[in-house]
Amino acid sequence: MIIDLQKFIKEQRPAWTRLEQFLDMLERNPERRFSMDEVRDFHTLYQRASADLARIATFSSERSVRTYLEALVARAYAEIYETRQKGRRFTPIKWFFHTFPRTFRKHIAAFWVALIVTAVGSAFGGFALLLDPDAKEVIMPFSHLAGSPNERVAEEEAAEEDQMQGHKAMFSSQLMVNNISVSFRVLALGLTWGIGTIILLFYNGIILGAVAADYIAAGETQFLLGWLLPHGSVEIPSILLAGQAGLVIAQALIGRNDPHGLKQRLKNIGPDIIHLAGGLAIILVWAGIIESYMSQYHEPVLPYWLKISFGSVQLVLLFFFLFKSGKSAKEPNAESQPSLAGVQST
């Protein structure tokens, strides 16, 4: 068969490049699963490359093109016909910095819903307390919040002894257990078609809004920010992550406009729920440490500006991590395999 080699290489080059990108993707992330359309595309590209190799094999002068295609077809063949079980070693660092934030972004709509519900609850709690100050005991069923904010701040700032001395670790572990249990309850209530999850998010928002309104109205905004920001900047987003997971479960249960059966929908979201739950648990462990070792100390021990700055930076870093970490590179990395860039048309 006589072919115009220069025209042939120019026409087939995009398909070869696409196949090489598929292979680079698989080598960078062996656990990645292709959709059915991607599988068909990959197999078609492999067949085309094999046919192109057979056609160009008769041109002894085009050794570089043939070498490139032989390597490309061999890599594709190995991926398609590999029969050994690929190792799926779990790497915690890669999971936390790659899989967890990507799962968060995959279900970002559910996160925004959780945030809106909590924000509405906060607004409700704040207005309710401002309209009826006597409702504090009902809205905030916590003894250390029931009194006057001014008296509490004066007491905290005048304390001469370290009340946390000797039991910081125990207090920190108690906070971790409590926060994780609350978060998992928010998540699990997604099984109520999301109703329980929404109620808990709204109630947590009411408490947060009421506390904020109480301290701001008393002129203790600086104390409020210095007290809440160090641990709240990670603890509150973790509760929202739990709400996100609960709403993902609810969406699977409802299955609106989804042709799959309930069993399949739950199976599909199972790994994502585990990733979200594991990620928020780790963040809450850090929140417990910060609350015990930093949030409980006020001026003059720790200046408010330092605590506020720490919490603000921490919040920015957390959202940068959730929205940016683990994003796939737009361009594939250079590989040691023969590259199409080295193929010259003659």
C-alpha atoms as a PDB file:
ATOM      1  CA  MET A   1       0.000   0.000   0.000  1.00  0.00           C
ATOM      2  CA  ILE A   2       1.371   3.421  -0.970  1.00  0.00           C
ATOM      3  CA  ILE A   3       0.648   6.275   1.433  1.00  0.00           C
ATOM      4  CA  ASP A   4       1.691   9.890   1.713  1.00  0.00           C
ATOM      5  CA  LEU A   5       3.755   9.478   4.886  1.00  0.00           C
ATOM      6  CA  GLN A   6       3.888  13.170   5.778  1.00  0.00           C
ATOM      7  CA  LYS A   7       0.112  13.532   5.432  1.00  0.00           C
ATOM      8  CA  PHE A   8      -0.427  10.237   7.264  1.00  0.00           C
ATOM      9  CA  ILE A   9       1.576  11.336  10.325  1.00  0.00           C
ATOM     10  CA  LYS A  10      -0.126  14.738  10.396  1.00  0.00           C
ATOM     11  CA  GLU A  11      -3.615  13.193  10.295  1.00  0.00           C
ATOM     12  CA  GLN A  12      -2.938  10.491  12.901  1.00  0.00           C
ATOM     13  CA  ARG A  13      -0.897  12.602  15.313  1.00  0.00           C
ATOM     14  CA  PRO A  14      -3.949  13.828  17.372  1.00  0.00           C
ATOM     15  CA  ALA A  15      -5.141  10.254  17.982  1.00  0.00           C
ATOM     16  CA  TRP A  16      -1.671   9.136  19.095  1.00  0.00           C
ATOM     17  CA  THR A  17      -1.405  12.117  21.424  1.00  0.00           C
ATOM     18  CA  ARG A  18      -4.823  11.366  22.913  1.00  0.00           C
ATOM     19  CA  LEU A  19      -3.864   7.722  23.549  1.00  0.00           C
ATOM     20  CA  GLU A  20      -0.611   8.842  25.174  1.00  0.00           C
ATOM     21  CA  GLN A  21      -2.564  11.175  27.470  1.00  0.00           C
ATOM     22  CA  PHE A  22      -4.815   8.294  28.508  1.00  0.00           C
ATOM     23  CA  LEU A  23      -1.774   6.169  29.354  1.00  0.00           C
ATOM     24  CA  ASP A  24      -0.068   8.991  31.257  1.00  0.00           C
ATOM     25  CA  MET A  25      -3.267   9.450  33.258  1.00  0.00           C
ATOM     26  CA  LEU A  26      -3.356   5.770  34.194  1.00  0.00           C
ATOM     27  CA  GLU A  27       0.293   5.724  35.188  1.00  0.00           C
ATOM     28  CA  ARG A  28      -0.089   8.793  37.412  1.00  0.00           C
ATOM     29  CA  ASN A  29      -3.251   7.464  39.030  1.00  0.00           C
ATOM     30  CA  PRO A  30      -3.557   3.652  38.706  1.00  0.00           C
ATOM     31  CA  GLU A  31      -6.771   3.631  40.777  1.00  0.00           C
ATOM     32  CA  ARG A  32      -8.623   5.968  38.433  1.00  0.00           C
ATOM     33  CA  ARG A  33     -11.746   4.457  36.922  1.00  0.00           C
ATOM     34  CA  PHE A  34     -12.806   5.418  33.425  1.00  0.00           C
ATOM     35  CA  SER A  35     -16.394   5.968  32.417  1.00  0.00           C
ATOM     36  CA  MET A  36     -17.870   3.700  29.735  1.00  0.00           C
ATOM     37  CA  ASP A  37     -17.378   6.407  27.092  1.00  0.00           C
ATOM     38  CA  GLU A  38     -13.729   6.807  28.104  1.00  0.00           C
ATOM     39  CA  VAL A  39     -13.201   3.037  27.927  1.00  0.00           C
ATOM     40  CA  ARG A  40     -14.629   2.931  24.409  1.00  0.00           C
ATOM     41  CA  ASP A  41     -12.508   5.905  23.389  1.00  0.00           C
ATOM     42  CA  PHE A  42      -9.369   4.328  24.825  1.00  0.00           C
ATOM     43  CA  HIS A  43      -9.969   1.002  23.075  1.00  0.00           C
ATOM     44  CA  THR A  44     -10.687   2.723  19.744  1.00  0.00           C
ATOM     45  CA  LEU A  45      -7.484   4.746  20.004  1.00  0.00           C
ATOM     46  CA  TYR A  46      -5.531   1.576  20.785  1.00  0.00           C
ATOM     47  CA  GLN A  47      -6.959  -0.175  17.726  1.00  0.00           C
ATOM     48  CA  ARG A  48      -6.127   2.814  15.512  1.00  0.00           C
ATOM     49  CA  ALA A  49      -2.565   2.998  16.825  1.00  0.00           C
ATOM     50  CA  SER A  50      -2.110  -0.749  16.214  1.00  0.00           C
ATOM     51  CA  ALA A  51      -3.383  -0.391  12.656  1.00  0.00           C
ATOM     52  CA  ASP A  52      -1.133   2.640  12.084  1.00  0.00           C
ATOM     53  CA  LEU A  53       1.869   0.655  13.336  1.00  0.00           C
ATOM     54  CA  ALA A  54       1.113  -2.112  10.873  1.00  0.00           C
ATOM     55  CA  ARG A  55       0.824   0.379   8.008  1.00  0.00           C
ATOM     56  CA  ILE A  56       4.019   2.243   8.812  1.00  0.00           C
ATOM     57  CA  ALA A  57       6.088  -0.891   9.470  1.00  0.00           C
ATOM     58  CA  THR A  58       6.866  -1.136   5.750  1.00  0.00           C
ATOM     59  CA  PHE A  59       8.735   2.190   5.806  1.00  0.00           C
ATOM     60  CA  SER A  60      12.194   1.290   7.015  1.00  0.00           C
ATOM     61  CA  SER A  61      13.291   4.927   6.778  1.00  0.00           C
ATOM     62  CA  GLU A  62      10.792   6.031   9.428  1.00  0.00           C
ATOM     63  CA  ARG A  63      12.434   4.278  12.357  1.00  0.00           C
ATOM     64  CA  SER A  64      11.637   7.007  14.925  1.00  0.00           C
ATOM     65  CA  VAL A  65       7.914   6.923  14.112  1.00  0.00           C
ATOM     66  CA  ARG A  66       7.810   3.154  14.269  1.00  0.00           C
ATOM     67  CA  THR A  67       9.709   3.085  17.594  1.00  0.00           C
ATOM     68  CA  TYR A  68       7.295   5.596  19.065  1.00  0.00           C
ATOM     69  CA  LEU A  69       4.224   3.649  17.893  1.00  0.00           C
ATOM     70  CA  GLU A  70       5.653   0.326  19.088  1.00  0.00           C
ATOM     71  CA  ALA A  71       6.149   1.762  22.590  1.00  0.00           C
ATOM     72  CA  LEU A  72       2.727   3.398  22.562  1.00  0.00           C
ATOM     73  CA  VAL A  73       0.918   0.235  21.437  1.00  0.00           C
ATOM     74  CA  ALA A  74       2.867  -1.878  23.928  1.00  0.00           C
ATOM     75  CA  ARG A  75       1.854   0.404  26.801  1.00  0.00           C
ATOM     76  CA  ALA A  76      -1.780   0.335  25.733  1.00  0.00           C
ATOM     77  CA  TYR A  77      -1.723  -3.459  25.300  1.00  0.00           C
ATOM     78  CA  ALA A  78      -0.293  -3.862  28.815  1.00  0.00           C
ATOM     79  CA  GLU A  79      -3.091  -1.725  30.291  1.00  0.00           C
ATOM     80  CA  ILE A  80      -5.877  -3.533  28.403  1.00  0.00           C
ATOM     81  CA  TYR A  81      -4.739  -7.113  28.840  1.00  0.00           C
ATOM     82  CA  GLU A  82      -3.109  -6.916  32.249  1.00  0.00           C
ATOM     83  CA  THR A  83      -4.424  -9.833  34.319  1.00  0.00           C
ATOM     84  CA  ARG A  84      -2.533  -9.339  37.557  1.00  0.00           C
ATOM     85  CA  GLN A  85      -4.304  -7.582  40.394  1.00  0.00           C
ATOM     86  CA  LYS A  86      -2.999  -4.039  40.586  1.00  0.00           C
ATOM     87  CA  GLY A  87      -1.720  -3.062  43.964  1.00  0.00           C
ATOM     88  CA  ARG A  88      -4.006  -0.655  45.773  1.00  0.00           C
ATOM     89  CA  ARG A  89      -1.804   0.313  48.643  1.00  0.00           C
ATOM     90  CA  PHE A  90      -3.496   2.871  50.821  1.00  0.00           C
ATOM     91  CA  THR A  91      -1.360   5.951  51.360  1.00  0.00           C
ATOM     92  CA  PRO A  92      -2.868   8.214  54.048  1.00  0.00           C
ATOM     93  CA  ILE A  93      -1.085  11.374  52.896  1.00  0.00           C
ATOM     94  CA  LYS A  94      -2.196  10.960  49.292  1.00  0.00           C
ATOM     95  CA  TRP A  95      -5.725  10.142  50.431  1.00  0.00           C
ATOM     96  CA  PHE A  96      -5.985  13.206  52.670  1.00  0.00           C
ATOM     97  CA  PHE A  97      -4.459  15.698  50.248  1.00  0.00           C
ATOM     98  CA  HIS A  98      -5.901  14.231  47.053  1.00  0.00           C
ATOM     99  CA  THR A  99      -8.931  11.968  47.446  1.00  0.00           C
ATOM    100  CA  PHE A 100     -10.648  13.787  50.315  1.00  0.00           C
ATOM    101  CA  PRO A 101     -10.688  17.321  48.808  1.00  0.00           C
ATOM    102  CA  ARG A 102     -11.641  15.957  45.376  1.00  0.00           C
ATOM    103  CA  THR A 103     -14.596  14.156  46.965  1.00  0.00           C
ATOM    104  CA  PHE A 104     -15.588  17.401  48.681  1.00  0.00           C
ATOM    105  CA  ARG A 105     -15.593  19.258  45.361  1.00  0.00           C
ATOM    106  CA  LYS A 106     -17.494  16.441  43.666  1.00  0.00           C
ATOM    107  CA  HIS A 107     -20.472  17.103  45.942  1.00  0.00           C
ATOM    108  CA  ILE A 108     -20.000  20.856  46.342  1.00  0.00           C
ATOM    109  CA  ALA A 109     -23.701  21.622  45.798  1.00  0.00           C
ATOM    110  CA  ALA A 110     -24.596  19.665  48.955  1.00  0.00           C
ATOM    111  CA  PHE A 111     -21.981  21.657  50.892  1.00  0.00           C
ATOM    112  CA  TRP A 112     -23.509  24.976  49.797  1.00  0.00           C
ATOM    113  CA  VAL A 113     -26.940  23.759  50.920  1.00  0.00           C
ATOM    114  CA  ALA A 114     -25.499  22.806  54.342  1.00  0.00           C
ATOM    115  CA  LEU A 115     -23.863  26.233  54.596  1.00  0.00           C
ATOM    116  CA  ILE A 116     -27.071  28.071  53.685  1.00  0.00           C
ATOM    117  CA  VAL A 117     -29.148  26.099  56.222  1.00  0.00           C
ATOM    118  CA  THR A 118     -26.604  26.850  58.971  1.00  0.00           C
ATOM    119  CA  ALA A 119     -26.435  30.531  58.001  1.00  0.00           C
ATOM    120  CA  VAL A 120     -30.234  30.842  58.099  1.00  0.00           C
ATOM    121  CA  GLY A 121     -30.236  29.182  61.521  1.00  0.00           C
ATOM    122  CA  SER A 122     -27.552  31.605  62.731  1.00  0.00           C
ATOM    123  CA  ALA A 123     -29.579  34.593  61.560  1.00  0.00           C
ATOM    124  CA  PHE A 124     -32.672  33.208  63.273  1.00  0.00           C
ATOM    125  CA  GLY A 125     -30.821  32.565  66.542  1.00  0.00           C
ATOM    126  CA  GLY A 126     -29.248  36.019  66.557  1.00  0.00           C
ATOM    127  CA  PHE A 127     -32.504  37.873  65.906  1.00  0.00           C
ATOM    128  CA  ALA A 128     -34.406  35.709  68.394  1.00  0.00           C
ATOM    129  CA  LEU A 129     -31.973  36.558  71.180  1.00  0.00           C
ATOM    130  CA  LEU A 130     -31.932  40.262  70.352  1.00  0.00           C
ATOM    131  CA  LEU A 131     -35.740  40.397  70.286  1.00  0.00           C
ATOM    132  CA  ASP A 132     -36.145  38.353  73.467  1.00  0.00           C
ATOM    133  CA  PRO A 133     -33.047  38.266  75.726  1.00  0.00           C
ATOM    134  CA  ASP A 134     -34.920  36.046  78.192  1.00  0.00           C
ATOM    135  CA  ALA A 135     -34.851  33.259  75.604  1.00  0.00           C
ATOM    136  CA  LYS A 136     -31.127  32.708  76.224  1.00  0.00           C
ATOM    137  CA  GLU A 137     -31.643  29.773  78.574  1.00  0.00           C
ATOM    138  CA  VAL A 138     -33.811  28.034  75.990  1.00  0.00           C
ATOM    139  CA  ILE A 139     -31.624  28.754  72.991  1.00  0.00           C
ATOM    140  CA  MET A 140     -28.270  28.126  74.705  1.00  0.00           C
ATOM    141  CA  PRO A 141     -28.585  25.197  77.128  1.00  0.00           C
ATOM    142  CA  PHE A 142     -24.967  25.543  78.325  1.00  0.00           C
ATOM    143  CA  SER A 143     -24.165  26.751  81.821  1.00  0.00           C
ATOM    144  CA  HIS A 144     -21.040  28.720  80.855  1.00  0.00           C
ATOM    145  CA  LEU A 145     -23.044  30.691  78.281  1.00  0.00           C
ATOM    146  CA  ALA A 146     -26.109  31.411  80.407  1.00  0.00           C
ATOM    147  CA  GLY A 147     -24.530  34.275  82.362  1.00  0.00           C
ATOM    148  CA  SER A 148     -23.519  37.771  81.376  1.00  0.00           C
ATOM    149  CA  PRO A 149     -20.832  37.937  78.638  1.00  0.00           C
ATOM    150  CA  ASN A 150     -19.159  40.892  80.428  1.00  0.00           C
ATOM    151  CA  GLU A 151     -18.878  38.944  83.692  1.00  0.00           C
ATOM    152  CA  ARG A 152     -17.461  35.917  81.926  1.00  0.00           C
ATOM    153  CA  VAL A 153     -14.864  37.966  80.050  1.00  0.00           C
ATOM    154  CA  ALA A 154     -13.811  39.749  83.229  1.00  0.00           C
ATOM    155  CA  GLU A 155     -13.491  36.426  85.031  1.00  0.00           C
ATOM    156  CA  GLU A 156     -11.511  34.810  82.223  1.00  0.00           C
ATOM    157  CA  GLU A 157      -9.101  37.726  81.868  1.00  0.00           C
ATOM    158  CA  ALA A 158      -8.566  38.029  85.637  1.00  0.00           C
ATOM    159  CA  ALA A 159      -7.801  34.332  86.144  1.00  0.00           C
ATOM    160  CA  GLU A 160      -4.346  33.981  87.725  1.00  0.00           C
ATOM    161  CA  GLU A 161      -4.159  30.192  87.612  1.00  0.00           C
ATOM    162  CA  ASP A 162      -4.145  27.928  84.591  1.00  0.00           C
ATOM    163  CA  GLN A 163      -7.449  26.103  85.004  1.00  0.00           C
ATOM    164  CA  MET A 164      -6.442  23.677  82.238  1.00  0.00           C
ATOM    165  CA  GLN A 165      -3.197  22.711  83.948  1.00  0.00           C
ATOM    166  CA  GLY A 166      -2.794  18.949  84.107  1.00  0.00           C
ATOM    167  CA  HIS A 167      -5.827  17.948  82.073  1.00  0.00           C
ATOM    168  CA  LYS A 168      -5.395  19.571  78.665  1.00  0.00           C
ATOM    169  CA  ALA A 169      -4.950  16.205  76.960  1.00  0.00           C
ATOM    170  CA  MET A 170      -8.064  14.752  78.612  1.00  0.00           C
ATOM    171  CA  PHE A 171     -10.143  17.829  77.770  1.00  0.00           C
ATOM    172  CA  SER A 172      -8.850  17.765  74.206  1.00  0.00           C
ATOM    173  CA  SER A 173      -9.789  14.093  73.770  1.00  0.00           C
ATOM    174  CA  GLN A 174     -13.257  14.756  75.201  1.00  0.00           C
ATOM    175  CA  LEU A 175     -13.750  17.565  72.688  1.00  0.00           C
ATOM    176  CA  MET A 176     -12.639  15.314  69.831  1.00  0.00           C
ATOM    177  CA  VAL A 177     -15.040  12.540  70.818  1.00  0.00           C
ATOM    178  CA  ASN A 178     -17.945  14.941  71.309  1.00  0.00           C
ATOM    179  CA  ASN A 179     -17.409  16.864  68.065  1.00  0.00           C
ATOM    180  CA  ILE A 180     -16.922  13.729  66.001  1.00  0.00           C
ATOM    181  CA  SER A 181     -20.014  12.100  67.500  1.00  0.00           C
ATOM    182  CA  VAL A 182     -22.108  15.210  66.755  1.00  0.00           C
ATOM    183  CA  SER A 183     -20.783  15.346  63.195  1.00  0.00           C
ATOM    184  CA  PHE A 184     -21.446  11.679  62.565  1.00  0.00           C
ATOM    185  CA  ARG A 185     -24.968  12.151  63.921  1.00  0.00           C
ATOM    186  CA  VAL A 186     -25.513  14.949  61.402  1.00  0.00           C
ATOM    187  CA  LEU A 187     -24.156  12.663  58.682  1.00  0.00           C
ATOM    188  CA  ALA A 188     -26.176   9.603  59.706  1.00  0.00           C
ATOM    189  CA  LEU A 189     -29.429  11.548  59.811  1.00  0.00           C
ATOM    190  CA  GLY A 190     -29.151  11.791  56.065  1.00  0.00           C
ATOM    191  CA  LEU A 191     -30.941   8.444  56.233  1.00  0.00           C
ATOM    192  CA  THR A 192     -34.073  10.404  57.205  1.00  0.00           C
ATOM    193  CA  TRP A 193     -34.089  11.729  53.623  1.00  0.00           C
ATOM    194  CA  GLY A 194     -32.046  14.662  54.907  1.00  0.00           C
ATOM    195  CA  ILE A 195     -34.694  16.011  57.275  1.00  0.00           C
ATOM    196  CA  GLY A 196     -32.705  15.196  60.421  1.00  0.00           C
ATOM    197  CA  THR A 197     -29.507  16.558  58.908  1.00  0.00           C
ATOM    198  CA  ILE A 198     -31.180  19.866  58.039  1.00  0.00           C
ATOM    199  CA  ILE A 199     -32.739  20.169  61.513  1.00  0.00           C
ATOM    200  CA  LEU A 200     -29.391  19.635  63.272  1.00  0.00           C
ATOM    201  CA  LEU A 201     -27.587  22.046  60.962  1.00  0.00           C
ATOM    202  CA  PHE A 202     -30.283  24.650  61.563  1.00  0.00           C
ATOM    203  CA  TYR A 203     -30.152  24.118  65.353  1.00  0.00           C
ATOM    204  CA  ASN A 204     -26.357  24.383  65.448  1.00  0.00           C
ATOM    205  CA  GLY A 205     -26.723  27.586  63.455  1.00  0.00           C
ATOM    206  CA  ILE A 206     -29.232  28.940  65.992  1.00  0.00           C
ATOM    207  CA  ILE A 207     -26.778  28.360  68.864  1.00  0.00           C
ATOM    208  CA  LEU A 208     -23.900  29.931  66.941  1.00  0.00           C
ATOM    209  CA  GLY A 209     -25.966  32.974  65.968  1.00  0.00           C
ATOM    210  CA  ALA A 210     -27.319  33.435  69.489  1.00  0.00           C
ATOM    211  CA  VAL A 211     -23.857  33.277  71.066  1.00  0.00           C
ATOM    212  CA  ALA A 212     -22.504  35.744  68.524  1.00  0.00           C
ATOM    213  CA  ALA A 213     -25.398  38.162  69.046  1.00  0.00           C
ATOM    214  CA  ASP A 214     -25.098  37.919  72.837  1.00  0.00           C
ATOM    215  CA  TYR A 215     -21.389  38.786  72.954  1.00  0.00           C
ATOM    216  CA  ILE A 216     -21.550  41.427  70.206  1.00  0.00           C
ATOM    217  CA  ALA A 217     -24.475  43.177  71.923  1.00  0.00           C
ATOM    218  CA  ALA A 218     -22.459  43.181  75.152  1.00  0.00           C
ATOM    219  CA  GLY A 219     -19.493  44.808  73.392  1.00  0.00           C
ATOM    220  CA  GLU A 220     -17.301  41.713  73.650  1.00  0.00           C
ATOM    221  CA  THR A 221     -16.729  41.123  69.930  1.00  0.00           C
ATOM    222  CA  GLN A 222     -12.951  40.912  70.342  1.00  0.00           C
ATOM    223  CA  PHE A 223     -13.262  38.250  73.022  1.00  0.00           C
ATOM    224  CA  LEU A 224     -15.803  36.354  70.890  1.00  0.00           C
ATOM    225  CA  LEU A 225     -13.494  36.242  67.863  1.00  0.00           C
ATOM    226  CA  GLY A 226     -10.462  35.379  69.956  1.00  0.00           C
ATOM    227  CA  TRP A 227     -12.368  32.595  71.666  1.00  0.00           C
ATOM    228  CA  LEU A 228     -14.151  31.047  68.666  1.00  0.00           C
ATOM    229  CA  LEU A 229     -11.904  31.601  65.657  1.00  0.00           C
ATOM    230  CA  PRO A 230      -8.904  29.416  66.618  1.00  0.00           C
ATOM    231  CA  HIS A 231     -10.938  26.198  66.820  1.00  0.00           C
ATOM    232  CA  GLY A 232     -14.218  27.297  65.196  1.00  0.00           C
ATOM    233  CA  SER A 233     -12.492  28.090  61.915  1.00  0.00           C
ATOM    234  CA  VAL A 234     -12.026  24.339  61.413  1.00  0.00           C
ATOM    235  CA  GLU A 235     -14.719  22.907  63.684  1.00  0.00           C
ATOM    236  CA  ILE A 236     -17.666  24.676  62.024  1.00  0.00           C
ATOM    237  CA  PRO A 237     -16.586  23.749  58.472  1.00  0.00           C
ATOM    238  CA  SER A 238     -16.292  20.143  59.666  1.00  0.00           C
ATOM    239  CA  ILE A 239     -19.918  20.200  60.809  1.00  0.00           C
ATOM    240  CA  LEU A 240     -20.798  21.536  57.360  1.00  0.00           C
ATOM    241  CA  LEU A 241     -18.855  18.653  55.791  1.00  0.00           C
ATOM    242  CA  ALA A 242     -20.933  16.255  57.881  1.00  0.00           C
ATOM    243  CA  GLY A 243     -24.075  17.996  56.656  1.00  0.00           C
ATOM    244  CA  GLN A 244     -22.766  17.722  53.103  1.00  0.00           C
ATOM    245  CA  ALA A 245     -22.328  13.958  53.492  1.00  0.00           C
ATOM    246  CA  GLY A 246     -25.794  13.619  55.038  1.00  0.00           C
ATOM    247  CA  LEU A 247     -27.370  15.479  52.143  1.00  0.00           C
ATOM    248  CA  VAL A 248     -25.498  13.283  49.649  1.00  0.00           C
ATOM    249  CA  ILE A 249     -27.065  10.254  51.353  1.00  0.00           C
ATOM    250  CA  ALA A 250     -30.474  11.937  51.193  1.00  0.00           C
ATOM    251  CA  GLN A 251     -30.055  12.644  47.510  1.00  0.00           C
ATOM    252  CA  ALA A 252     -29.240   8.988  46.874  1.00  0.00           C
ATOM    253  CA  LEU A 253     -32.318   7.895  48.829  1.00  0.00           C
ATOM    254  CA  ILE A 254     -34.600  10.249  46.933  1.00  0.00           C
ATOM    255  CA  GLY A 255     -33.030   9.392  43.576  1.00  0.00           C
ATOM    256  CA  ARG A 256     -34.867  12.064  41.625  1.00  0.00           C
ATOM    257  CA  ASN A 257     -34.120  11.880  37.874  1.00  0.00           C
ATOM    258  CA  ASP A 258     -31.720   9.013  38.537  1.00  0.00           C
ATOM    259  CA  PRO A 259     -32.382   5.825  36.518  1.00  0.00           C
ATOM    260  CA  HIS A 260     -30.353   3.624  38.874  1.00  0.00           C
ATOM    261  CA  GLY A 261     -31.985   1.609  41.634  1.00  0.00           C
ATOM    262  CA  LEU A 262     -31.665   2.533  45.300  1.00  0.00           C
ATOM    263  CA  LYS A 263     -29.124  -0.215  46.008  1.00  0.00           C
ATOM    264  CA  GLN A 264     -26.875   0.946  43.174  1.00  0.00           C
ATOM    265  CA  ARG A 265     -27.160   4.611  44.165  1.00  0.00           C
ATOM    266  CA  LEU A 266     -26.119   3.843  47.734  1.00  0.00           C
ATOM    267  CA  LYS A 267     -23.283   1.672  46.467  1.00  0.00           C
ATOM    268  CA  ASN A 268     -22.078   4.504  44.232  1.00  0.00           C
ATOM    269  CA  ILE A 269     -21.905   7.072  47.041  1.00  0.00           C
ATOM    270  CA  GLY A 270     -20.513   4.681  49.681  1.00  0.00           C
ATOM    271  CA  PRO A 271     -16.820   5.454  49.086  1.00  0.00           C
ATOM    272  CA  ASP A 272     -17.498   9.197  48.948  1.00  0.00           C
ATOM    273  CA  ILE A 273     -19.280   9.146  52.313  1.00  0.00           C
ATOM    274  CA  ILE A 274     -16.331   7.285  53.843  1.00  0.00           C
ATOM    275  CA  HIS A 275     -13.877   9.826  52.409  1.00  0.00           C
ATOM    276  CA  LEU A 276     -15.875  12.785  53.741  1.00  0.00           C
ATOM    277  CA  ALA A 277     -16.360  11.182  57.161  1.00  0.00           C
ATOM    278  CA  GLY A 278     -12.681  10.309  57.493  1.00  0.00           C
ATOM    279  CA  GLY A 279     -11.553  13.761  56.388  1.00  0.00           C
ATOM    280  CA  LEU A 280     -13.819  15.675  58.752  1.00  0.00           C
ATOM    281  CA  ALA A 281     -12.814  13.397  61.642  1.00  0.00           C
ATOM    282  CA  ILE A 282      -9.150  14.261  61.107  1.00  0.00           C
ATOM    283  CA  ILE A 283      -9.951  17.973  60.964  1.00  0.00           C
ATOM    284  CA  LEU A 284     -11.960  17.686  64.198  1.00  0.00           C
ATOM    285  CA  VAL A 285      -9.008  16.039  65.942  1.00  0.00           C
ATOM    286  CA  TRP A 286      -6.986  19.145  65.114  1.00  0.00           C
ATOM    287  CA  ALA A 287      -9.875  21.370  66.263  1.00  0.00           C
ATOM    288  CA  GLY A 288      -9.927  19.577  69.635  1.00  0.00           C
ATOM    289  CA  ILE A 289      -6.214  20.183  70.120  1.00  0.00           C
ATOM    290  CA  ILE A 290      -6.502  23.875  69.250  1.00  0.00           C
ATOM    291  CA  GLU A 291      -9.535  24.410  71.486  1.00  0.00           C
ATOM    292  CA  SER A 292      -7.809  22.844  74.465  1.00  0.00           C
ATOM    293  CA  TYR A 293      -4.360  24.358  74.055  1.00  0.00           C
ATOM    294  CA  MET A 294      -5.202  27.779  72.585  1.00  0.00           C
ATOM    295  CA  SER A 295      -8.876  28.799  72.564  1.00  0.00           C
ATOM    296  CA  GLN A 296      -9.226  28.511  76.341  1.00  0.00           C
ATOM    297  CA  TYR A 297      -6.479  31.064  76.984  1.00  0.00           C
ATOM    298  CA  HIS A 298      -7.267  34.750  76.795  1.00  0.00           C
ATOM    299  CA  GLU A 299      -5.537  38.038  77.452  1.00  0.00           C
ATOM    300  CA  PRO A 300      -3.157  38.673  79.047  1.00  0.00           C
ATOM    301  CA  VAL A 301      -1.910  35.095  78.496  1.00  0.00           C
ATOM    302  CA  LEU A 302      -2.544  35.143  74.749  1.00  0.00           C
ATOM    303  CA  PRO A 303      -3.294  38.447  72.990  1.00  0.00           C
ATOM    304  CA  TYR A 304      -6.551  38.519  71.065  1.00  0.00           C
ATOM    305  CA  TRP A 305      -4.915  39.783  67.885  1.00  0.00           C
ATOM    306  CA  LEU A 306      -2.718  36.666  67.805  1.00  0.00           C
ATOM    307  CA  LYS A 307      -5.658  34.284  68.266  1.00  0.00           C
ATOM    308  CA  ILE A 308      -7.814  36.123  65.723  1.00  0.00           C
ATOM    309  CA  SER A 309      -4.981  36.158  63.193  1.00  0.00           C
ATOM    310  CA  PHE A 310      -4.302  32.458  63.731  1.00  0.00           C
ATOM    311  CA  GLY A 311      -7.958  31.531  63.264  1.00  0.00           C
ATOM    312  CA  SER A 312      -8.364  33.711  60.183  1.00  0.00           C
ATOM    313  CA  VAL A 313      -5.276  32.290  58.472  1.00  0.00           C
ATOM    314  CA  GLN A 314      -6.360  28.775  59.412  1.00  0.00           C
ATOM    315  CA  LEU A 315      -9.796  29.323  57.847  1.00  0.00           C
ATOM    316  CA  VAL A 316      -8.274  30.615  54.602  1.00  0.00           C
ATOM    317  CA  LEU A 317      -5.854  27.683  54.442  1.00  0.00           C
ATOM    318  CA  LEU A 318      -8.648  25.177  55.068  1.00  0.00           C
ATOM    319  CA  PHE A 319     -10.796  26.477  52.238  1.00  0.00           C
ATOM    320  CA  PHE A 320      -7.779  26.748  49.948  1.00  0.00           C
ATOM    321  CA  PHE A 321      -7.037  23.100  50.779  1.00  0.00           C
ATOM    322  CA  LEU A 322     -10.611  21.943  50.141  1.00  0.00           C
ATOM    323  CA  PHE A 323     -11.032  23.852  46.885  1.00  0.00           C
ATOM    324  CA  LYS A 324      -7.542  23.476  45.406  1.00  0.00           C
ATOM    325  CA  SER A 325      -5.748  20.440  46.811  1.00  0.00           C
ATOM    326  CA  GLY A 326      -5.663  17.326  44.629  1.00  0.00           C
ATOM    327  CA  LYS A 327      -6.680  19.061  41.416  1.00  0.00           C
ATOM    328  CA  SER A 328      -5.441  17.210  38.345  1.00  0.00           C
ATOM    329  CA  ALA A 329      -2.837  18.961  36.255  1.00  0.00           C
ATOM    330  CA  LYS A 330      -4.158  20.231  32.947  1.00  0.00           C
ATOM    331  CA  GLU A 331      -1.084  19.083  31.030  1.00  0.00           C
ATOM    332  CA  PRO A 332       0.326  15.552  31.413  1.00  0.00           C
ATOM    333  CA  ASN A 333       3.791  15.209  32.855  1.00  0.00           C
ATOM    334  CA  ALA A 334       6.624  14.316  30.580  1.00  0.00           C
ATOM    335  CA  GLU A 335       7.335  10.592  30.559  1.00  0.00           C
ATOM    336  CA  SER A 336      10.433   8.620  29.818  1.00  0.00           C
ATOM    337  CA  GLN A 337       8.629   6.816  27.028  1.00  0.00           C
ATOM    338  CA  PRO A 338       9.330   7.814  23.419  1.00  0.00           C
ATOM    339  CA  SER A 339       7.450  11.034  22.810  1.00  0.00           C
ATOM    340  CA  LEU A 340       5.496  12.201  19.824  1.00  0.00           C
ATOM    341  CA  ALA A 341       7.426  15.463  20.077  1.00  0.00           C
ATOM    342  CA  GLY A 342      10.457  13.618  18.807  1.00  0.00           C
ATOM    343  CA  VAL A 343       8.697  12.268  15.705  1.00  0.00           C
ATOM    344  CA  GLN A 344       9.622  14.290  12.670  1.00  0.00           C
ATOM    345  CA  SER A 345       7.637  14.289   9.477  1.00  0.00           C
ATOM    346  CA  THR A 346       9.598  13.712   6.329  1.00  0.00           C
END
